[in-house]
Amino acid sequence: MGTGSVNINCIAKHVTMTVGPLVFELVIVFCVSVLLLHHYGRITKQHPSVTIATLVAWYFSLIIVFILPLDVSSVSWLVRN
């Protein structure tokens, strides 16, 4: 293999290693977003579209915070192998 080429087996192993933690973190972040919305928002007194928009905004904001370390570590692992 030349410089810059990537081993297909390494990529397949990398994908199977990161799918589990990624799904786990997405579920945890969704649960945290719902709990924050329940704690700080008045769900019963707001219009449903406001509640959904707030949930989506907090979910995407928290995804960046929690997924970025996983992304950095998985890319550094892929570069080393």
C-alpha atoms as a PDB file:
ATOM      1  CA  MET A   1       0.000   0.000   0.000  1.00  0.00           C
ATOM      2  CA  GLY A   2       1.223   3.456  -0.827  1.00  0.00           C
ATOM      3  CA  THR A   3       1.279   6.526   1.300  1.00  0.00           C
ATOM      4  CA  GLY A   4      -2.186   7.927   1.828  1.00  0.00           C
ATOM      5  CA  SER A   5      -4.024   4.685   1.170  1.00  0.00           C
ATOM      6  CA  VAL A   6      -6.326   3.358   3.869  1.00  0.00           C
ATOM      7  CA  ASN A   7      -6.845  -0.267   4.806  1.00  0.00           C
ATOM      8  CA  ILE A   8     -10.483  -1.297   4.252  1.00  0.00           C
ATOM      9  CA  ASN A   9     -10.417  -3.673   7.241  1.00  0.00           C
ATOM     10  CA  CYS A  10      -9.249  -0.824   9.466  1.00  0.00           C
ATOM     11  CA  ILE A  11     -12.178   1.342   8.356  1.00  0.00           C
ATOM     12  CA  ALA A  12     -14.686  -1.484   8.890  1.00  0.00           C
ATOM     13  CA  LYS A  13     -13.336  -2.071  12.398  1.00  0.00           C
ATOM     14  CA  HIS A  14     -13.452   1.670  13.078  1.00  0.00           C
ATOM     15  CA  VAL A  15     -17.101   1.928  11.990  1.00  0.00           C
ATOM     16  CA  THR A  16     -18.189  -0.968  14.189  1.00  0.00           C
ATOM     17  CA  MET A  17     -16.289   0.504  17.149  1.00  0.00           C
ATOM     18  CA  THR A  18     -17.922   3.927  16.917  1.00  0.00           C
ATOM     19  CA  VAL A  19     -21.544   3.075  16.114  1.00  0.00           C
ATOM     20  CA  GLY A  20     -22.327   1.780  19.608  1.00  0.00           C
ATOM     21  CA  PRO A  21     -20.959   4.779  21.540  1.00  0.00           C
ATOM     22  CA  LEU A  22     -22.517   7.175  19.019  1.00  0.00           C
ATOM     23  CA  VAL A  23     -26.011   5.724  19.410  1.00  0.00           C
ATOM     24  CA  PHE A  24     -25.565   5.607  23.193  1.00  0.00           C
ATOM     25  CA  GLU A  25     -24.539   9.273  23.312  1.00  0.00           C
ATOM     26  CA  LEU A  26     -27.407  10.338  21.040  1.00  0.00           C
ATOM     27  CA  VAL A  27     -29.937   8.633  23.313  1.00  0.00           C
ATOM     28  CA  ILE A  28     -28.361  10.096  26.453  1.00  0.00           C
ATOM     29  CA  VAL A  29     -28.285  13.597  24.935  1.00  0.00           C
ATOM     30  CA  PHE A  30     -31.964  13.304  23.982  1.00  0.00           C
ATOM     31  CA  CYS A  31     -32.862  12.238  27.521  1.00  0.00           C
ATOM     32  CA  VAL A  32     -30.848  15.119  28.999  1.00  0.00           C
ATOM     33  CA  SER A  33     -32.588  17.556  26.639  1.00  0.00           C
ATOM     34  CA  VAL A  34     -36.020  16.280  27.656  1.00  0.00           C
ATOM     35  CA  LEU A  35     -35.116  16.493  31.341  1.00  0.00           C
ATOM     36  CA  LEU A  36     -33.817  20.057  30.927  1.00  0.00           C
ATOM     37  CA  LEU A  37     -36.946  21.045  29.051  1.00  0.00           C
ATOM     38  CA  HIS A  38     -39.121  19.501  31.739  1.00  0.00           C
ATOM     39  CA  HIS A  39     -37.167  21.252  34.493  1.00  0.00           C
ATOM     40  CA  TYR A  40     -36.844  24.728  32.981  1.00  0.00           C
ATOM     41  CA  GLY A  41     -39.849  24.903  30.660  1.00  0.00           C
ATOM     42  CA  ARG A  42     -43.535  25.097  31.358  1.00  0.00           C
ATOM     43  CA  ILE A  43     -44.533  22.371  28.947  1.00  0.00           C
ATOM     44  CA  THR A  44     -48.228  22.443  29.773  1.00  0.00           C
ATOM     45  CA  LYS A  45     -48.511  26.241  29.415  1.00  0.00           C
ATOM     46  CA  GLN A  46     -46.619  26.592  26.121  1.00  0.00           C
ATOM     47  CA  HIS A  47     -47.722  25.921  22.585  1.00  0.00           C
ATOM     48  CA  PRO A  48     -46.490  22.489  21.391  1.00  0.00           C
ATOM     49  CA  SER A  49     -44.503  24.043  18.544  1.00  0.00           C
ATOM     50  CA  VAL A  50     -42.526  26.148  21.040  1.00  0.00           C
ATOM     51  CA  THR A  51     -41.785  23.065  23.128  1.00  0.00           C
ATOM     52  CA  ILE A  52     -40.649  21.060  20.099  1.00  0.00           C
ATOM     53  CA  ALA A  53     -38.514  23.915  18.767  1.00  0.00           C
ATOM     54  CA  THR A  54     -36.836  24.320  22.151  1.00  0.00           C
ATOM     55  CA  LEU A  55     -36.230  20.587  22.431  1.00  0.00           C
ATOM     56  CA  VAL A  56     -34.654  20.461  18.979  1.00  0.00           C
ATOM     57  CA  ALA A  57     -32.472  23.506  19.711  1.00  0.00           C
ATOM     58  CA  TRP A  58     -31.193  22.106  23.006  1.00  0.00           C
ATOM     59  CA  TYR A  59     -30.707  18.651  21.473  1.00  0.00           C
ATOM     60  CA  PHE A  60     -28.550  19.932  18.617  1.00  0.00           C
ATOM     61  CA  SER A  61     -26.600  22.207  20.954  1.00  0.00           C
ATOM     62  CA  LEU A  62     -25.841  19.381  23.354  1.00  0.00           C
ATOM     63  CA  ILE A  63     -24.954  16.992  20.520  1.00  0.00           C
ATOM     64  CA  ILE A  64     -22.059  19.258  19.585  1.00  0.00           C
ATOM     65  CA  VAL A  65     -20.754  19.232  23.147  1.00  0.00           C
ATOM     66  CA  PHE A  66     -20.998  15.469  23.634  1.00  0.00           C
ATOM     67  CA  ILE A  67     -20.185  14.136  20.156  1.00  0.00           C
ATOM     68  CA  LEU A  68     -17.121  16.276  19.426  1.00  0.00           C
ATOM     69  CA  PRO A  69     -14.809  14.369  21.838  1.00  0.00           C
ATOM     70  CA  LEU A  70     -15.986  11.058  20.374  1.00  0.00           C
ATOM     71  CA  ASP A  71     -15.299  12.331  16.863  1.00  0.00           C
ATOM     72  CA  VAL A  72     -11.821  13.597  17.744  1.00  0.00           C
ATOM     73  CA  SER A  73     -10.838  10.367  19.485  1.00  0.00           C
ATOM     74  CA  SER A  74     -12.158   8.149  16.686  1.00  0.00           C
ATOM     75  CA  VAL A  75     -10.350  10.165  13.998  1.00  0.00           C
ATOM     76  CA  SER A  76      -7.103  10.106  15.970  1.00  0.00           C
ATOM     77  CA  TRP A  77      -7.481   6.323  16.375  1.00  0.00           C
ATOM     78  CA  LEU A  78      -8.064   5.959  12.629  1.00  0.00           C
ATOM     79  CA  VAL A  79      -4.986   8.040  11.811  1.00  0.00           C
ATOM     80  CA  ARG A  80      -2.767   6.008  14.154  1.00  0.00           C
ATOM     81  CA  ASN A  81      -3.911   2.681  12.688  1.00  0.00           C
END
